[in-house]
Amino acid sequence: MAFQPPGPETCREAIGDRSSLSGDLRQAFEPGTDFEPIPAPGPRDWLAVHRELGQTFGQFKDSRPIRPDTRRRKIYLQPLGEFPLGPSPSLDLLEQYAAVYFALETETLPAVHHGNFTARINRLTHNRQILTTDVLRFLMTKLPCDAFCILAITMEDLYPEPAWNFVFGQASLRERVAVFSFARYDATFYARELTTDYHTVLLRRSCKVLAHETAHMFGLAHCIFFKCAMNGSNHLDESDCRPMHLCPVCLRKLQFSVGFDVAQRYEKLAQFYQAAGFADEARWTRNRLRIFGHENRAHR
């Protein structure tokens, strides 16, 4: 059966009972007009191809996801290969974004050059690809003792096994390791003409996939309730339409895991978006701050 967007009552039920929460949290998880309903998928879109049942907050909590604790509260980014200036997102900005988005200390490790990883030349794109399972095994041996997770990031394309054409990324959640590529978020990968906002678009796409894939490490499944950073995507146009913010269901999951102050997180996100040139995201986040009475702080 084709995917049918859930109605408002189903979405409210997915957020869960909020009666025991503080006033700010009840407001933060209120499905008001800032959060758009998920649309019916087009024929090539994720939900037209993949059967997703969704994950309510209650189901997430019952799954007993791995959560940061007093010992393991740090996100590590492990670059693989080169991140040349110009055709790559800034590693410093990616680190800043992860730290703000997840409200956890984040550190970028020295780059690793992947001579020992299995690689091949893709027969369709003629680009070099790295085998993801080799990378995951490597990361398992390098997991720092204070790490909540370690995420390998690369500008090279990936594949998970010989039968697959490519994969954007792969994770081993219980081992707290993942690898994902920004290669196909770069217009030059498809030999497309560069636009004047090329670097901003590449950074936005890279921040989106970083947030999406890292959220999976916290146990968040794909979202089917609202337009959300955790929506699945089957192609670049669909990914570009996905917002950078978490919907009330997914925000509640992440806040439950980390315990951050939602208003403070929005303030820091608004500042990041403004500095990065993400005008729409900065405007949306400042608008959310109005429900906390903090809208002026986001302009500092």
Protein backbone atom coordinates (compact mmCIF):
# COMPACT_ATOMS: atom_id res chain seq x y z
CA MET A 1 0.00 0.00 0.00
CA ALA A 2 1.29 3.48 -0.90
CA PHE A 3 2.44 5.67 1.98
CA GLN A 4 -0.28 7.95 3.34
CA PRO A 5 0.85 10.94 5.44
CA PRO A 6 -0.39 10.56 9.02
CA GLY A 7 -3.05 12.91 10.33
CA PRO A 8 -2.58 15.51 13.10
CA GLU A 9 -3.84 13.20 15.85
CA THR A 10 -1.39 10.45 14.89
CA CYS A 11 1.44 12.98 14.93
CA ARG A 12 0.44 14.23 18.38
CA GLU A 13 0.35 10.66 19.66
CA ALA A 14 3.84 10.10 18.26
CA ILE A 15 5.17 12.98 20.38
CA GLY A 16 3.80 11.29 23.49
CA ASP A 17 2.26 12.56 26.71
CA ARG A 18 3.81 15.91 27.71
CA SER A 19 1.84 16.60 30.87
CA SER A 20 4.75 15.86 33.23
CA LEU A 21 7.23 18.09 31.36
CA SER A 22 8.25 21.64 32.23
CA GLY A 23 6.44 24.48 30.52
CA ASP A 24 9.34 25.17 28.15
CA LEU A 25 9.54 21.55 27.06
CA ARG A 26 5.80 21.32 26.54
CA GLN A 27 6.08 24.37 24.29
CA ALA A 28 9.13 23.00 22.48
CA PHE A 29 7.32 19.79 21.55
CA GLU A 30 4.05 21.45 20.58
CA PRO A 31 3.30 20.63 16.90
CA GLY A 32 2.37 24.18 15.91
CA THR A 33 2.58 25.92 12.57
CA ASP A 34 6.40 25.95 12.53
CA PHE A 35 6.40 22.24 11.73
CA GLU A 36 5.03 21.27 8.33
CA PRO A 37 3.27 17.95 7.75
CA ILE A 38 5.13 15.43 5.66
CA PRO A 39 3.82 15.43 2.06
CA ALA A 40 2.80 12.43 0.00
CA PRO A 41 5.93 11.12 -1.75
CA GLY A 42 6.64 11.41 -5.44
CA PRO A 43 7.30 8.21 -7.41
CA ARG A 44 11.09 8.38 -6.87
CA ASP A 45 10.99 9.55 -3.26
CA TRP A 46 12.10 7.58 -0.21
CA LEU A 47 8.67 6.72 1.15
CA ALA A 48 7.47 5.56 -2.26
CA VAL A 49 10.25 2.96 -2.32
CA HIS A 50 10.86 2.10 1.35
CA ARG A 51 8.18 0.89 3.73
CA GLU A 52 8.67 2.93 6.91
CA LEU A 53 6.44 2.38 9.93
CA GLY A 54 7.80 5.33 11.85
CA GLN A 55 9.13 5.53 15.40
CA THR A 56 7.13 7.28 18.09
CA PHE A 57 8.78 8.77 21.15
CA GLY A 58 7.40 5.89 23.22
CA GLN A 59 8.85 3.31 20.86
CA PHE A 60 12.19 5.12 20.90
CA LYS A 61 12.27 5.15 24.70
CA ASP A 62 11.24 1.49 24.92
CA SER A 63 14.11 0.54 22.57
CA ARG A 64 16.56 1.55 25.34
CA PRO A 65 18.84 3.53 23.02
CA ILE A 66 22.44 4.18 23.92
CA ARG A 67 22.66 7.57 25.65
CA PRO A 68 25.62 9.80 26.55
CA ASP A 69 26.69 9.39 30.15
CA THR A 70 29.25 10.99 32.44
CA ARG A 71 32.09 9.00 30.83
CA ARG A 72 31.03 8.85 27.18
CA ARG A 73 29.85 12.32 26.16
CA LYS A 74 32.02 13.29 23.21
CA ILE A 75 31.49 13.11 19.45
CA TYR A 76 34.60 12.45 17.36
CA LEU A 77 34.88 13.23 13.66
CA GLN A 78 37.47 11.18 11.79
CA PRO A 79 38.36 12.63 8.37
CA LEU A 80 39.40 10.06 5.77
CA GLY A 81 41.65 11.36 3.01
CA GLU A 82 41.91 14.91 1.81
CA PHE A 83 39.45 17.78 2.42
CA PRO A 84 40.89 20.32 -0.04
CA LEU A 85 39.85 23.94 0.35
CA GLY A 86 37.16 24.92 -2.11
CA PRO A 87 35.53 21.64 -3.16
CA SER A 88 35.12 20.42 0.45
CA PRO A 89 33.07 21.60 3.44
CA SER A 90 35.03 23.24 6.24
CA LEU A 91 36.01 20.70 8.89
CA ASP A 92 36.01 23.47 11.51
CA LEU A 93 32.42 24.42 10.65
CA LEU A 94 31.28 20.79 10.62
CA GLU A 95 32.77 20.33 14.08
CA GLN A 96 31.05 23.50 15.31
CA TYR A 97 27.74 22.38 13.86
CA ALA A 98 27.86 18.92 15.44
CA ALA A 99 28.72 20.46 18.83
CA VAL A 100 25.77 22.87 18.64
CA TYR A 101 23.26 20.49 17.08
CA PHE A 102 23.83 17.71 19.61
CA ALA A 103 24.91 19.91 22.54
CA LEU A 104 27.94 17.71 23.10
CA GLU A 105 31.66 18.40 22.92
CA THR A 106 32.95 17.50 19.46
CA GLU A 107 36.54 16.96 18.31
CA THR A 108 37.99 16.45 14.84
CA LEU A 109 40.82 13.91 14.81
CA PRO A 110 43.86 14.09 12.49
CA ALA A 111 43.04 12.83 8.99
CA VAL A 112 43.67 9.18 8.16
CA HIS A 113 44.80 8.20 4.69
CA HIS A 114 43.07 5.05 3.60
CA GLY A 115 45.72 3.00 1.83
CA ASN A 116 44.70 -0.11 3.79
CA PHE A 117 40.99 0.09 2.94
CA THR A 118 39.59 -1.96 0.09
CA ALA A 119 38.77 0.30 -2.85
CA ARG A 120 37.47 0.05 -6.40
CA ILE A 121 36.64 2.22 -9.41
CA ASN A 122 32.89 2.58 -9.90
CA ARG A 123 31.99 1.36 -13.39
CA LEU A 124 29.32 4.07 -13.88
CA THR A 125 30.95 7.18 -12.43
CA HIS A 126 34.60 6.08 -12.83
CA ASN A 127 35.25 7.52 -9.37
CA ARG A 128 37.23 5.73 -6.68
CA GLN A 129 35.13 4.19 -3.88
CA ILE A 130 36.01 2.89 -0.41
CA LEU A 131 34.48 -0.22 1.15
CA THR A 132 32.50 0.89 4.20
CA THR A 133 32.87 -2.32 6.19
CA ASP A 134 36.66 -1.87 6.21
CA VAL A 135 36.22 1.62 7.62
CA LEU A 136 33.80 0.47 10.34
CA ARG A 137 36.21 -2.25 11.48
CA PHE A 138 39.01 0.32 11.61
CA LEU A 139 36.91 2.75 13.68
CA MET A 140 36.06 0.02 16.21
CA THR A 141 39.78 -0.22 17.02
CA LYS A 142 40.11 3.55 17.41
CA LEU A 143 37.08 4.39 19.57
CA PRO A 144 38.30 6.74 22.36
CA CYS A 145 37.26 5.84 25.89
CA ASP A 146 35.30 9.10 26.30
CA ALA A 147 33.54 8.80 22.93
CA PHE A 148 29.80 8.61 22.61
CA CYS A 149 30.50 7.85 18.95
CA ILE A 150 33.11 8.25 16.24
CA LEU A 151 32.08 9.23 12.72
CA ALA A 152 34.34 8.90 9.71
CA ILE A 153 33.74 11.58 7.06
CA THR A 154 35.19 11.63 3.58
CA MET A 155 35.06 13.32 0.20
CA GLU A 156 35.41 9.95 -1.52
CA ASP A 157 32.49 7.82 -2.64
CA LEU A 158 31.52 4.68 -0.68
CA TYR A 159 30.14 1.21 -1.33
CA PRO A 160 29.00 -1.43 1.23
CA GLU A 161 29.55 -4.61 -0.83
CA PRO A 162 30.43 -5.50 -4.44
CA ALA A 163 26.80 -5.84 -5.59
CA TRP A 164 25.94 -2.24 -4.62
CA ASN A 165 26.54 0.77 -6.84
CA PHE A 166 27.17 3.14 -3.92
CA VAL A 167 25.98 4.09 -0.44
CA PHE A 168 25.90 7.51 1.23
CA GLY A 169 26.98 5.98 4.53
CA GLN A 170 26.79 3.05 6.91
CA ALA A 171 26.72 2.69 10.70
CA SER A 172 27.11 0.08 13.39
CA LEU A 173 24.98 1.61 16.13
CA ARG A 174 25.79 -0.63 19.07
CA GLU A 175 29.51 -0.24 18.37
CA ARG A 176 28.94 3.55 18.06
CA VAL A 177 30.81 3.90 14.76
CA ALA A 178 29.72 5.21 11.37
CA VAL A 179 31.10 6.41 8.06
CA PHE A 180 29.48 8.70 5.51
CA SER A 181 30.54 10.59 2.41
CA PHE A 182 29.95 14.14 1.23
CA ALA A 183 31.09 13.27 -2.32
CA ARG A 184 27.63 13.14 -3.91
CA TYR A 185 26.59 16.40 -2.26
CA ASP A 186 29.20 18.22 -4.36
CA ALA A 187 28.00 19.49 -7.76
CA THR A 188 31.37 18.64 -9.33
CA PHE A 189 30.72 14.94 -8.67
CA TYR A 190 28.02 15.11 -11.34
CA ALA A 191 30.05 17.48 -13.55
CA ARG A 192 27.43 20.19 -12.99
CA GLU A 193 28.20 23.85 -13.50
CA LEU A 194 29.10 25.63 -10.28
CA THR A 195 26.73 28.34 -9.05
CA THR A 196 27.67 31.49 -7.16
CA ASP A 197 26.37 29.98 -3.91
CA TYR A 198 28.26 26.71 -4.47
CA HIS A 199 30.16 26.75 -1.16
CA THR A 200 27.07 27.61 0.90
CA VAL A 201 25.07 24.84 -0.77
CA LEU A 202 27.84 22.29 -0.19
CA LEU A 203 28.15 23.27 3.48
CA ARG A 204 24.37 23.14 3.99
CA ARG A 205 24.15 19.68 2.40
CA SER A 206 27.10 18.45 4.43
CA CYS A 207 25.67 19.79 7.70
CA LYS A 208 22.35 18.09 6.89
CA VAL A 209 23.87 14.67 6.32
CA LEU A 210 26.14 15.07 9.37
CA ALA A 211 23.11 15.81 11.59
CA HIS A 212 20.98 13.06 10.04
CA GLU A 213 23.58 10.31 10.27
CA THR A 214 24.77 11.31 13.74
CA ALA A 215 21.17 11.32 15.00
CA HIS A 216 20.91 7.69 13.87
CA MET A 217 23.74 6.96 16.33
CA PHE A 218 21.41 8.12 19.12
CA GLY A 219 18.82 5.59 17.97
CA LEU A 220 16.58 7.98 16.00
CA ALA A 221 14.89 6.20 13.09
CA HIS A 222 13.61 7.88 9.93
CA CYS A 223 10.72 10.26 10.57
CA ILE A 224 7.35 9.88 8.82
CA PHE A 225 5.37 12.41 10.87
CA PHE A 226 6.57 15.87 9.80
CA LYS A 227 9.05 17.48 7.45
CA CYS A 228 12.16 16.78 9.50
CA ALA A 229 15.93 16.40 9.36
CA MET A 230 15.28 12.69 9.94
CA ASN A 231 13.21 12.15 6.79
CA GLY A 232 14.74 9.57 4.48
CA SER A 233 15.92 10.69 1.06
CA ASN A 234 16.40 8.74 -2.14
CA HIS A 235 18.04 11.42 -4.27
CA LEU A 236 19.70 14.81 -4.03
CA ASP A 237 16.58 16.88 -4.80
CA GLU A 238 14.69 15.12 -2.01
CA SER A 239 17.59 15.67 0.39
CA ASP A 240 17.70 19.36 -0.51
CA CYS A 241 13.99 19.66 0.37
CA ARG A 242 14.53 18.11 3.79
CA PRO A 243 14.76 20.77 6.55
CA MET A 244 17.71 21.07 8.90
CA HIS A 245 15.53 21.14 12.03
CA LEU A 246 14.12 18.24 14.00
CA CYS A 247 10.36 17.90 14.28
CA PRO A 248 8.71 17.71 17.76
CA VAL A 249 8.87 13.89 17.78
CA CYS A 250 12.56 13.68 16.94
CA LEU A 251 13.56 16.72 19.00
CA ARG A 252 11.97 15.09 22.04
CA LYS A 253 13.98 11.90 21.41
CA LEU A 254 17.27 13.77 21.19
CA GLN A 255 16.49 15.98 24.19
CA PHE A 256 15.60 12.88 26.22
CA SER A 257 18.98 11.34 25.32
CA VAL A 258 21.21 14.37 25.88
CA GLY A 259 19.22 16.52 28.31
CA PHE A 260 20.01 19.88 26.70
CA ASP A 261 18.18 23.16 27.22
CA VAL A 262 16.09 23.49 24.05
CA ALA A 263 16.08 27.31 24.02
CA GLN A 264 19.87 27.52 24.47
CA ARG A 265 20.33 25.02 21.65
CA TYR A 266 18.11 27.08 19.34
CA GLU A 267 20.04 30.25 20.25
CA LYS A 268 23.36 28.66 19.28
CA LEU A 269 21.89 27.16 16.10
CA ALA A 270 20.50 30.55 15.05
CA GLN A 271 23.95 32.11 15.55
CA PHE A 272 25.61 29.35 13.52
CA TYR A 273 23.08 29.61 10.69
CA GLN A 274 23.43 33.39 10.53
CA ALA A 275 27.25 33.19 10.35
CA ALA A 276 27.14 30.39 7.76
CA GLY A 277 24.79 32.30 5.46
CA PHE A 278 21.85 29.91 5.98
CA ALA A 279 19.27 32.70 6.01
CA ASP A 280 16.13 30.54 5.90
CA GLU A 281 17.34 28.30 8.73
CA ALA A 282 18.36 31.31 10.84
CA ARG A 283 14.93 32.86 10.34
CA TRP A 284 13.10 29.64 11.23
CA THR A 285 15.18 29.12 14.37
CA ARG A 286 14.73 32.71 15.55
CA ASN A 287 11.01 32.25 15.08
CA ARG A 288 11.07 29.19 17.35
CA LEU A 289 12.90 31.21 20.00
CA ARG A 290 9.89 33.52 20.28
CA ILE A 291 7.96 30.81 22.10
CA PHE A 292 10.59 30.97 24.85
CA GLY A 293 10.80 34.77 24.84
CA HIS A 294 14.45 34.55 23.74
CA GLU A 295 14.21 35.95 20.23
CA ASN A 296 16.62 38.83 20.84
CA ARG A 297 19.44 36.60 22.03
CA ALA A 298 19.71 34.88 18.64
CA HIS A 299 20.95 38.16 17.07
CA ARG A 300 23.99 38.46 19.34
